[in-house]
C-alpha atoms as a PDB file:
ATOM      1  CA  MET A   1      72.865  97.672 119.016  1.00  0.00           C
ATOM      2  CA  VAL A   2      73.481 100.009 116.055  1.00  0.00           C
ATOM      3  CA  LEU A   3      75.172 103.391 116.197  1.00  0.00           C
ATOM      4  CA  LYS A   4      73.172 106.014 114.283  1.00  0.00           C
ATOM      5  CA  THR A   5      75.696 108.753 113.563  1.00  0.00           C
ATOM      6  CA  PRO A   6      76.961 110.565 110.472  1.00  0.00           C
ATOM      7  CA  LEU A   7      79.520 108.646 108.447  1.00  0.00           C
ATOM      8  CA  GLU A   8      82.283 111.156 109.122  1.00  0.00           C
ATOM      9  CA  THR A   9      81.668 110.865 112.863  1.00  0.00           C
ATOM     10  CA  ARG A  10      81.911 107.074 112.620  1.00  0.00           C
ATOM     11  CA  ARG A  11      85.219 107.345 110.791  1.00  0.00           C
ATOM     12  CA  ALA A  12      86.515 109.828 113.345  1.00  0.00           C
ATOM     13  CA  TRP A  13      85.723 107.381 116.145  1.00  0.00           C
ATOM     14  CA  LEU A  14      87.630 104.643 114.373  1.00  0.00           C
ATOM     15  CA  ARG A  15      90.646 106.902 113.883  1.00  0.00           C
ATOM     16  CA  GLY A  16      90.617 108.484 117.325  1.00  0.00           C
ATOM     17  CA  GLY A  17      91.803 107.363 120.708  1.00  0.00           C
ATOM     18  CA  ILE A  18      88.246 106.617 121.803  1.00  0.00           C
ATOM     19  CA  CYS A  19      88.317 103.561 119.527  1.00  0.00           C
ATOM     20  CA  ALA A  20      89.890 101.310 122.157  1.00  0.00           C
ATOM     21  CA  ALA A  21      87.228 102.099 124.762  1.00  0.00           C
ATOM     22  CA  LEU A  22      84.423 101.655 122.249  1.00  0.00           C
ATOM     23  CA  ALA A  23      85.856  98.360 121.054  1.00  0.00           C
ATOM     24  CA  ALA A  24      85.895  97.082 124.621  1.00  0.00           C
ATOM     25  CA  ALA A  25      82.300  98.201 125.127  1.00  0.00           C
ATOM     26  CA  PHE A  26      81.155  96.397 121.982  1.00  0.00           C
ATOM     27  CA  GLY A  27      83.057  93.208 122.756  1.00  0.00           C
ATOM     28  CA  GLY A  28      86.014  93.707 120.412  1.00  0.00           C
ATOM     29  CA  PRO A  29      87.166  95.680 117.356  1.00  0.00           C
ATOM     30  CA  ALA A  30      85.318  93.455 114.884  1.00  0.00           C
ATOM     31  CA  ARG A  31      81.956  94.046 116.559  1.00  0.00           C
ATOM     32  CA  LEU A  32      82.644  97.768 116.786  1.00  0.00           C
ATOM     33  CA  LEU A  33      83.428  97.941 113.068  1.00  0.00           C
ATOM     34  CA  ALA A  34      80.292  95.978 112.246  1.00  0.00           C
ATOM     35  CA  ALA A  35      78.246  98.378 114.380  1.00  0.00           C
ATOM     36  CA  VAL A  36      79.454 101.363 112.341  1.00  0.00           C
ATOM     37  CA  GLY A  37      78.823  99.608 109.026  1.00  0.00           C
ATOM     38  CA  VAL A  38      82.319  98.293 108.272  1.00  0.00           C
ATOM     39  CA  VAL A  39      82.368  94.644 107.182  1.00  0.00           C
ATOM     40  CA  ALA A  40      85.606  92.725 106.736  1.00  0.00           C
ATOM     41  CA  PRO A  41      85.954  91.045 103.331  1.00  0.00           C
ATOM     42  CA  PRO A  42      86.366  87.242 103.369  1.00  0.00           C
ATOM     43  CA  LEU A  43      90.044  86.413 102.875  1.00  0.00           C
ATOM     44  CA  LEU A  44      92.330  83.410 102.864  1.00  0.00           C
ATOM     45  CA  LEU A  45      94.367  83.278 106.086  1.00  0.00           C
ATOM     46  CA  ALA A  46      97.529  81.257 106.590  1.00  0.00           C
ATOM     47  CA  GLU A  47      98.318  78.417 108.938  1.00  0.00           C
ATOM     48  CA  VAL A  48     101.847  77.876 110.286  1.00  0.00           C
ATOM     49  CA  LEU A  49     104.034  75.384 108.431  1.00  0.00           C
ATOM     50  CA  ARG A  50     104.356  72.364 110.704  1.00  0.00           C
ATOM     51  CA  GLY A  51     104.958  68.659 110.361  1.00  0.00           C
ATOM     52  CA  ASP A  52     105.757  66.612 107.314  1.00  0.00           C
ATOM     53  CA  VAL A  53     104.487  68.844 104.501  1.00  0.00           C
ATOM     54  CA  ASP A  54     105.534  68.159 100.925  1.00  0.00           C
ATOM     55  CA  VAL A  55     106.842  71.639 100.124  1.00  0.00           C
ATOM     56  CA  THR A  56     107.358  70.754  96.447  1.00  0.00           C
ATOM     57  CA  ARG A  57     103.576  71.008  95.973  1.00  0.00           C
ATOM     58  CA  TYR A  58     103.584  74.687  96.910  1.00  0.00           C
ATOM     59  CA  TRP A  59     104.457  77.967  95.298  1.00  0.00           C
ATOM     60  CA  VAL A  60     106.714  79.970  97.619  1.00  0.00           C
ATOM     61  CA  SER A  61     106.975  83.733  98.022  1.00  0.00           C
ATOM     62  CA  GLU A  62     108.471  86.191 100.462  1.00  0.00           C
ATOM     63  CA  LYS A  63     106.206  87.164 103.364  1.00  0.00           C
ATOM     64  CA  LEU A  64     106.030  90.918 102.965  1.00  0.00           C
ATOM     65  CA  ASP A  65     106.101  93.177 106.003  1.00  0.00           C
ATOM     66  CA  GLY A  66     103.244  95.311 104.745  1.00  0.00           C
ATOM     67  CA  VAL A  67      99.572  96.123 105.263  1.00  0.00           C
ATOM     68  CA  ARG A  68      96.987  93.721 103.796  1.00  0.00           C
ATOM     69  CA  ALA A  69      94.687  95.390 101.304  1.00  0.00           C
ATOM     70  CA  VAL A  70      91.872  94.135  99.079  1.00  0.00           C
ATOM     71  CA  TRP A  71      90.694  95.741  95.832  1.00  0.00           C
ATOM     72  CA  ASP A  72      87.181  94.794  94.724  1.00  0.00           C
ATOM     73  CA  GLY A  73      87.404  96.587  91.374  1.00  0.00           C
ATOM     74  CA  ARG A  74      86.073  99.852  92.788  1.00  0.00           C
ATOM     75  CA  VAL A  75      87.248 100.344  96.382  1.00  0.00           C
ATOM     76  CA  LEU A  76      90.545  99.604  98.130  1.00  0.00           C
ATOM     77  CA  ARG A  77      90.024  98.330 101.683  1.00  0.00           C
ATOM     78  CA  PHE A  78      92.058  97.180 104.633  1.00  0.00           C
ATOM     79  CA  ARG A  79      91.583  93.650 105.941  1.00  0.00           C
ATOM     80  CA  SER A  80      89.153  95.092 108.496  1.00  0.00           C
ATOM     81  CA  GLY A  81      86.918  96.403 105.729  1.00  0.00           C
ATOM     82  CA  ARG A  82      87.815 100.043 106.310  1.00  0.00           C
ATOM     83  CA  VAL A  83      88.474 102.085 103.181  1.00  0.00           C
ATOM     84  CA  VAL A  84      92.120 102.914 102.490  1.00  0.00           C
ATOM     85  CA  ASN A  85      92.543 106.666 102.096  1.00  0.00           C
ATOM     86  CA  ALA A  86      94.744 106.374  99.024  1.00  0.00           C
ATOM     87  CA  PRO A  87      95.158 109.234  96.534  1.00  0.00           C
ATOM     88  CA  ALA A  88      92.684 109.268  93.643  1.00  0.00           C
ATOM     89  CA  TRP A  89      95.455 108.658  91.086  1.00  0.00           C
ATOM     90  CA  PHE A  90      96.619 105.540  92.984  1.00  0.00           C
ATOM     91  CA  VAL A  91      93.143 104.014  92.929  1.00  0.00           C
ATOM     92  CA  ALA A  92      92.427 105.138  89.349  1.00  0.00           C
ATOM     93  CA  GLY A  93      95.400 103.114  88.141  1.00  0.00           C
ATOM     94  CA  LEU A  94      94.088  99.840  89.524  1.00  0.00           C
ATOM     95  CA  PRO A  95      92.328  97.400  87.152  1.00  0.00           C
ATOM     96  CA  PRO A  96      88.633  96.429  87.242  1.00  0.00           C
ATOM     97  CA  GLU A  97      89.477  92.902  88.442  1.00  0.00           C
ATOM     98  CA  PRO A  98      89.555  92.088  92.211  1.00  0.00           C
ATOM     99  CA  LEU A  99      93.006  91.826  93.805  1.00  0.00           C
ATOM    100  CA  ASP A 100      94.332  90.744  97.178  1.00  0.00           C
ATOM    101  CA  GLY A 101      97.777  91.779  98.358  1.00  0.00           C
ATOM    102  CA  GLU A 102      99.935  93.983 100.547  1.00  0.00           C
ATOM    103  CA  LEU A 103     100.632  97.680 100.512  1.00  0.00           C
ATOM    104  CA  TRP A 104     104.401  97.725 100.865  1.00  0.00           C
ATOM    105  CA  LEU A 105     107.320 100.145 101.120  1.00  0.00           C
ATOM    106  CA  GLY A 106     110.125  97.603 101.384  1.00  0.00           C
ATOM    107  CA  ARG A 107     111.770  95.379 103.942  1.00  0.00           C
ATOM    108  CA  GLY A 108     111.861  96.723 107.473  1.00  0.00           C
ATOM    109  CA  ARG A 109     109.655  99.739 106.743  1.00  0.00           C
ATOM    110  CA  PHE A 110     106.345  98.642 108.225  1.00  0.00           C
ATOM    111  CA  GLU A 111     106.108 101.532 110.681  1.00  0.00           C
ATOM    112  CA  ASP A 112     106.688 104.132 107.965  1.00  0.00           C
ATOM    113  CA  LEU A 113     104.116 102.420 105.767  1.00  0.00           C
ATOM    114  CA  SER A 114     101.564 102.248 108.569  1.00  0.00           C
ATOM    115  CA  GLY A 115     101.830 105.981 109.088  1.00  0.00           C
ATOM    116  CA  ILE A 116     101.337 106.651 105.374  1.00  0.00           C
ATOM    117  CA  VAL A 117      98.345 104.414 104.706  1.00  0.00           C
ATOM    118  CA  ARG A 118      96.429 105.318 107.868  1.00  0.00           C
ATOM    119  CA  ARG A 119      96.702 109.073 107.385  1.00  0.00           C
ATOM    120  CA  ARG A 120      93.301 110.698 106.849  1.00  0.00           C
ATOM    121  CA  GLU A 121      94.574 113.035 104.133  1.00  0.00           C
ATOM    122  CA  PRO A 122      96.942 111.098 101.835  1.00  0.00           C
ATOM    123  CA  ARG A 123     100.163 112.742 100.740  1.00  0.00           C
ATOM    124  CA  ASP A 124     101.123 112.182  97.128  1.00  0.00           C
ATOM    125  CA  ASP A 125     104.866 112.217  97.817  1.00  0.00           C
ATOM    126  CA  ASP A 126     104.495 109.448 100.398  1.00  0.00           C
ATOM    127  CA  TRP A 127     102.151 107.316  98.284  1.00  0.00           C
ATOM    128  CA  ARG A 128     104.479 107.427  95.275  1.00  0.00           C
ATOM    129  CA  LYS A 129     106.781 105.192  97.328  1.00  0.00           C
ATOM    130  CA  VAL A 130     104.030 102.641  98.104  1.00  0.00           C
ATOM    131  CA  ARG A 131     103.435  99.573  95.958  1.00  0.00           C
ATOM    132  CA  PHE A 132     100.426  97.283  95.936  1.00  0.00           C
ATOM    133  CA  MET A 133     101.990  93.820  95.802  1.00  0.00           C
ATOM    134  CA  VAL A 134      99.289  91.328  94.813  1.00  0.00           C
ATOM    135  CA  PHE A 135      99.328  87.595  95.456  1.00  0.00           C
ATOM    136  CA  GLU A 136      95.753  86.414  94.953  1.00  0.00           C
ATOM    137  CA  GLN A 137      92.708  86.954  92.752  1.00  0.00           C
ATOM    138  CA  PRO A 138      89.576  86.919  94.962  1.00  0.00           C
ATOM    139  CA  GLY A 139      86.941  84.644  93.450  1.00  0.00           C
ATOM    140  CA  GLY A 140      89.295  83.581  90.683  1.00  0.00           C
ATOM    141  CA  GLU A 141      88.651  80.254  88.973  1.00  0.00           C
ATOM    142  CA  GLY A 142      91.028  77.358  88.563  1.00  0.00           C
ATOM    143  CA  SER A 143      94.147  76.465  90.527  1.00  0.00           C
ATOM    144  CA  PHE A 144      96.507  78.885  92.234  1.00  0.00           C
ATOM    145  CA  THR A 145      98.977  78.246  89.408  1.00  0.00           C
ATOM    146  CA  GLU A 146      96.362  79.428  86.920  1.00  0.00           C
ATOM    147  CA  ARG A 147      95.495  82.462  89.048  1.00  0.00           C
ATOM    148  CA  ILE A 148      99.169  83.479  89.189  1.00  0.00           C
ATOM    149  CA  ALA A 149      99.238  83.615  85.380  1.00  0.00           C
ATOM    150  CA  ARG A 150      96.048  85.706  85.320  1.00  0.00           C
ATOM    151  CA  LEU A 151      97.411  88.098  87.943  1.00  0.00           C
ATOM    152  CA  GLN A 152     100.527  88.642  85.867  1.00  0.00           C
ATOM    153  CA  ALA A 153      98.397  89.443  82.812  1.00  0.00           C
ATOM    154  CA  ILE A 154      96.131  91.788  84.795  1.00  0.00           C
ATOM    155  CA  VAL A 155      99.063  93.711  86.248  1.00  0.00           C
ATOM    156  CA  ALA A 156     100.776  93.925  82.857  1.00  0.00           C
ATOM    157  CA  ARG A 157      97.626  95.422  81.311  1.00  0.00           C
ATOM    158  CA  ALA A 158      97.300  97.979  84.124  1.00  0.00           C
ATOM    159  CA  GLY A 159     100.821  99.197  83.375  1.00  0.00           C
ATOM    160  CA  VAL A 160     101.284 101.325  86.506  1.00  0.00           C
ATOM    161  CA  PRO A 161     104.498 101.256  88.564  1.00  0.00           C
ATOM    162  CA  TRP A 162     102.741 100.985  91.922  1.00  0.00           C
ATOM    163  CA  LEU A 163     101.089  97.662  91.059  1.00  0.00           C
ATOM    164  CA  ALA A 164     103.118  94.423  90.953  1.00  0.00           C
ATOM    165  CA  VAL A 165     102.730  90.681  91.431  1.00  0.00           C
ATOM    166  CA  VAL A 166     104.582  89.081  94.328  1.00  0.00           C
ATOM    167  CA  GLU A 167     107.270  86.789  92.925  1.00  0.00           C
ATOM    168  CA  GLN A 168     106.349  83.111  93.224  1.00  0.00           C
ATOM    169  CA  PHE A 169     108.875  80.276  92.923  1.00  0.00           C
ATOM    170  CA  ARG A 170     109.204  76.553  93.623  1.00  0.00           C
ATOM    171  CA  VAL A 171     111.716  74.678  95.791  1.00  0.00           C
ATOM    172  CA  ALA A 172     113.111  71.187  95.339  1.00  0.00           C
ATOM    173  CA  ASP A 173     112.982  70.106  98.986  1.00  0.00           C
ATOM    174  CA  ARG A 174     113.022  71.202 102.652  1.00  0.00           C
ATOM    175  CA  PRO A 175     116.735  72.111 102.667  1.00  0.00           C
ATOM    176  CA  ALA A 176     116.158  74.381  99.674  1.00  0.00           C
ATOM    177  CA  LEU A 177     113.216  76.003 101.465  1.00  0.00           C
ATOM    178  CA  GLN A 178     115.305  76.559 104.585  1.00  0.00           C
ATOM    179  CA  ALA A 179     118.120  78.034 102.511  1.00  0.00           C
ATOM    180  CA  LYS A 180     115.682  80.485 100.933  1.00  0.00           C
ATOM    181  CA  LEU A 181     114.277  81.406 104.336  1.00  0.00           C
ATOM    182  CA  ASP A 182     117.785  82.069 105.640  1.00  0.00           C
ATOM    183  CA  GLU A 183     118.513  84.231 102.600  1.00  0.00           C
ATOM    184  CA  VAL A 184     115.355  86.292 102.991  1.00  0.00           C
ATOM    185  CA  VAL A 185     115.789  86.809 106.737  1.00  0.00           C
ATOM    186  CA  ALA A 186     119.467  87.723 106.333  1.00  0.00           C
ATOM    187  CA  GLY A 187     118.358  90.404 103.866  1.00  0.00           C
ATOM    188  CA  GLY A 188     115.901  91.899 106.333  1.00  0.00           C
ATOM    189  CA  GLY A 189     112.801  89.990 105.197  1.00  0.00           C
ATOM    190  CA  GLU A 190     110.154  88.561 107.498  1.00  0.00           C
ATOM    191  CA  GLY A 191     109.764  84.998 106.234  1.00  0.00           C
ATOM    192  CA  LEU A 192     108.099  82.919 103.522  1.00  0.00           C
ATOM    193  CA  MET A 193     104.584  82.049 102.388  1.00  0.00           C
ATOM    194  CA  LEU A 194     103.659  78.722 100.757  1.00  0.00           C
ATOM    195  CA  HIS A 195     100.516  78.436  98.630  1.00  0.00           C
ATOM    196  CA  LEU A 196      99.335  75.029  97.414  1.00  0.00           C
ATOM    197  CA  ALA A 197      99.784  75.038  93.635  1.00  0.00           C
ATOM    198  CA  ASP A 198      96.570  73.199  92.734  1.00  0.00           C
ATOM    199  CA  ALA A 199      94.338  74.848  95.349  1.00  0.00           C
ATOM    200  CA  PRO A 200      91.088  76.524  94.266  1.00  0.00           C
ATOM    201  CA  TYR A 201      90.310  79.954  95.626  1.00  0.00           C
ATOM    202  CA  LEU A 202      89.351  79.636  99.297  1.00  0.00           C
ATOM    203  CA  THR A 203      88.633  81.970 102.194  1.00  0.00           C
ATOM    204  CA  GLY A 204      89.098  81.493 105.921  1.00  0.00           C
ATOM    205  CA  ARG A 205      92.067  79.940 107.660  1.00  0.00           C
ATOM    206  CA  SER A 206      93.386  77.001 105.660  1.00  0.00           C
ATOM    207  CA  ASP A 207      96.504  74.899 105.241  1.00  0.00           C
ATOM    208  CA  VAL A 208      96.490  75.591 101.497  1.00  0.00           C
ATOM    209  CA  LEU A 209      98.365  78.718 102.615  1.00  0.00           C
ATOM    210  CA  LEU A 210     101.250  78.300 105.062  1.00  0.00           C
ATOM    211  CA  LYS A 211     103.657  80.755 106.631  1.00  0.00           C
ATOM    212  CA  LEU A 212     107.243  80.083 107.642  1.00  0.00           C
ATOM    213  CA  LYS A 213     109.215  82.582 109.681  1.00  0.00           C
ATOM    214  CA  PRO A 214     111.901  82.429 112.322  1.00  0.00           C
ATOM    215  CA  LEU A 215     111.457  83.373 115.952  1.00  0.00           C
ATOM    216  CA  LEU A 216     114.182  85.120 117.887  1.00  0.00           C
ATOM    217  CA  ASP A 217     114.614  84.898 121.652  1.00  0.00           C
ATOM    218  CA  ALA A 218     115.915  87.249 124.300  1.00  0.00           C
ATOM    219  CA  GLU A 219     115.790  87.928 128.033  1.00  0.00           C
ATOM    220  CA  ALA A 220     114.245  90.661 130.134  1.00  0.00           C
ATOM    221  CA  THR A 221     113.807  91.543 133.798  1.00  0.00           C
ATOM    222  CA  VAL A 222     110.337  91.529 135.352  1.00  0.00           C
ATOM    223  CA  ILE A 223     109.453  95.024 136.564  1.00  0.00           C
ATOM    224  CA  ALA A 224     105.818  94.545 137.571  1.00  0.00           C
ATOM    225  CA  HIS A 225     102.800  92.237 137.380  1.00  0.00           C
ATOM    226  CA  LEU A 226      99.814  93.695 135.528  1.00  0.00           C
ATOM    227  CA  PRO A 227      96.328  92.432 136.453  1.00  0.00           C
ATOM    228  CA  GLY A 228      94.252  90.399 134.010  1.00  0.00           C
ATOM    229  CA  ARG A 229      90.761  91.197 132.785  1.00  0.00           C
ATOM    230  CA  GLY A 230      87.775  89.166 131.733  1.00  0.00           C
ATOM    231  CA  ARG A 231      88.687  85.479 131.802  1.00  0.00           C
ATOM    232  CA  LEU A 232      91.989  86.417 133.433  1.00  0.00           C
ATOM    233  CA  ASP A 233      90.400  88.441 136.240  1.00  0.00           C
ATOM    234  CA  GLY A 234      92.289  87.643 139.446  1.00  0.00           C
ATOM    235  CA  LEU A 235      95.308  86.346 137.498  1.00  0.00           C
ATOM    236  CA  THR A 236      98.340  88.053 136.058  1.00  0.00           C
ATOM    237  CA  GLY A 237      97.383  89.499 132.679  1.00  0.00           C
ATOM    238  CA  ALA A 238     100.872  90.545 131.622  1.00  0.00           C
ATOM    239  CA  LEU A 239     104.368  91.207 132.828  1.00  0.00           C
ATOM    240  CA  LEU A 240     105.967  94.603 132.516  1.00  0.00           C
ATOM    241  CA  VAL A 241     109.548  93.758 131.587  1.00  0.00           C
ATOM    242  CA  GLU A 242     112.751  95.596 130.713  1.00  0.00           C
ATOM    243  CA  THR A 243     115.512  94.452 128.385  1.00  0.00           C
ATOM    244  CA  ASP A 244     119.210  94.977 129.019  1.00  0.00           C
ATOM    245  CA  LYS A 245     118.992  97.935 126.627  1.00  0.00           C
ATOM    246  CA  GLY A 246     116.460  99.635 128.872  1.00  0.00           C
ATOM    247  CA  VAL A 247     113.434  98.973 126.647  1.00  0.00           C
ATOM    248  CA  ARG A 248     110.233  98.359 128.599  1.00  0.00           C
ATOM    249  CA  PHE A 249     107.190  96.578 127.208  1.00  0.00           C
ATOM    250  CA  GLN A 250     104.307  94.340 128.262  1.00  0.00           C
ATOM    251  CA  LEU A 251     104.630  90.582 127.851  1.00  0.00           C
ATOM    252  CA  GLY A 252     101.108  89.174 127.850  1.00  0.00           C
ATOM    253  CA  THR A 253     101.003  85.959 125.835  1.00  0.00           C
ATOM    254  CA  GLY A 254     102.528  82.504 126.118  1.00  0.00           C
ATOM    255  CA  PHE A 255     101.556  81.830 129.758  1.00  0.00           C
ATOM    256  CA  THR A 256      99.653  78.872 131.128  1.00  0.00           C
ATOM    257  CA  ASP A 257      96.981  79.582 133.737  1.00  0.00           C
ATOM    258  CA  ALA A 258      99.281  78.062 136.351  1.00  0.00           C
ATOM    259  CA  GLU A 259     102.016  80.525 135.394  1.00  0.00           C
ATOM    260  CA  ARG A 260      99.529  83.390 135.572  1.00  0.00           C
ATOM    261  CA  ARG A 261      98.591  82.294 139.099  1.00  0.00           C
ATOM    262  CA  ASN A 262     102.238  82.086 140.105  1.00  0.00           C
ATOM    263  CA  PRO A 263     104.116  84.434 137.772  1.00  0.00           C
ATOM    264  CA  PRO A 264     107.884  84.964 137.733  1.00  0.00           C
ATOM    265  CA  PRO A 265     108.650  87.332 140.627  1.00  0.00           C
ATOM    266  CA  VAL A 266     109.609  90.956 140.178  1.00  0.00           C
ATOM    267  CA  GLY A 267     113.341  91.143 139.587  1.00  0.00           C
ATOM    268  CA  SER A 268     113.602  87.722 137.933  1.00  0.00           C
ATOM    269  CA  LEU A 269     114.782  87.120 134.385  1.00  0.00           C
ATOM    270  CA  VAL A 270     112.450  85.651 131.777  1.00  0.00           C
ATOM    271  CA  THR A 271     113.064  84.387 128.262  1.00  0.00           C
ATOM    272  CA  PHE A 272     110.675  85.424 125.518  1.00  0.00           C
ATOM    273  CA  VAL A 273     110.417  84.786 121.783  1.00  0.00           C
ATOM    274  CA  TYR A 274     109.611  87.456 119.237  1.00  0.00           C
ATOM    275  CA  ARG A 275     109.581  88.128 115.514  1.00  0.00           C
ATOM    276  CA  ASP A 276     111.625  91.322 115.135  1.00  0.00           C
ATOM    277  CA  LEU A 277     112.131  94.786 116.634  1.00  0.00           C
ATOM    278  CA  THR A 278     110.362  98.067 115.993  1.00  0.00           C
ATOM    279  CA  GLN A 279     112.418 101.151 115.198  1.00  0.00           C
ATOM    280  CA  ASP A 280     112.334 101.944 118.930  1.00  0.00           C
ATOM    281  CA  GLY A 281     113.776  98.530 119.793  1.00  0.00           C
ATOM    282  CA  VAL A 282     110.518  97.056 121.135  1.00  0.00           C
ATOM    283  CA  PRO A 283     110.070  93.329 120.376  1.00  0.00           C
ATOM    284  CA  ARG A 284     107.163  92.661 118.020  1.00  0.00           C
ATOM    285  CA  PHE A 285     104.751  89.795 118.766  1.00  0.00           C
ATOM    286  CA  ALA A 286     106.640  88.890 121.923  1.00  0.00           C
ATOM    287  CA  SER A 287     105.536  85.733 123.770  1.00  0.00           C
ATOM    288  CA  TYR A 288     106.671  84.365 127.138  1.00  0.00           C
ATOM    289  CA  LEU A 289     108.747  81.206 126.955  1.00  0.00           C
ATOM    290  CA  ARG A 290     110.106  80.460 130.425  1.00  0.00           C
ATOM    291  CA  ARG A 291     111.691  81.870 133.544  1.00  0.00           C
ATOM    292  CA  ARG A 292     115.451  81.975 133.270  1.00  0.00           C
ATOM    293  CA  GLU A 293     117.087  80.441 136.305  1.00  0.00           C
ATOM    294  CA  VAL A 294     120.302  82.148 137.340  1.00  0.00           C
ATOM    295  CA  PHE A 295     122.931  79.805 138.745  1.00  0.00           C
END
């Protein structure tokens, strides 16, 4: 099925509240975007650092809390393939070579950044605070080490303050990696990325790129059981929970099917893990861990 509508109407659908309903009708956001002519560019996606990995073979960088963006030499796009509505001067300053990176405001400012980059009419004052932090050269030849050097040369030639290369460094061993992670997290950072030094350019999910980040845990009270849909029809789809600070949110991942059939009762305490908090105190990427038994 193909939607035959003017381009501006398609974009309005993607920006508007109707997007969620349309995505469900088309079988997910990716299929909806494809139906309106938006194709996601092939990118390298990270695996989680697990097991006995020789971290000395990797370049390490901070995992930026930004918005993934890809520059093909002419157009700046989100990971979904949608065009970023950046000011003309921002795009004009980018080089002719392809770049992959993150639009970034700084640590802990993801929500502010999201509002800026998704606005239909870009505001110059806001965008002057945004930097395009690049970490990969799509289609680049040679090893990642060689591509880092080329990225540095490309960015230097561009000579614009909103374009920079993400700092890459090496570590001597696992304790050194953990120490760096602790340092970054203590400073408000999200975690670390590890990219295999001798890896060629790849796309798709691969262990040549690994992510390392801490998970926090907390407790909340179950307020209600929310019904599941699709495969989870007839089971509990999520728990509506409330923290001791009065923050309510839905906890929908981390359950086994058995736990969805027999969920923690209303009024019970559950433990969940999460990455960090939004400005409103809502846990981000929260996942159910276990029911907390009160003795």
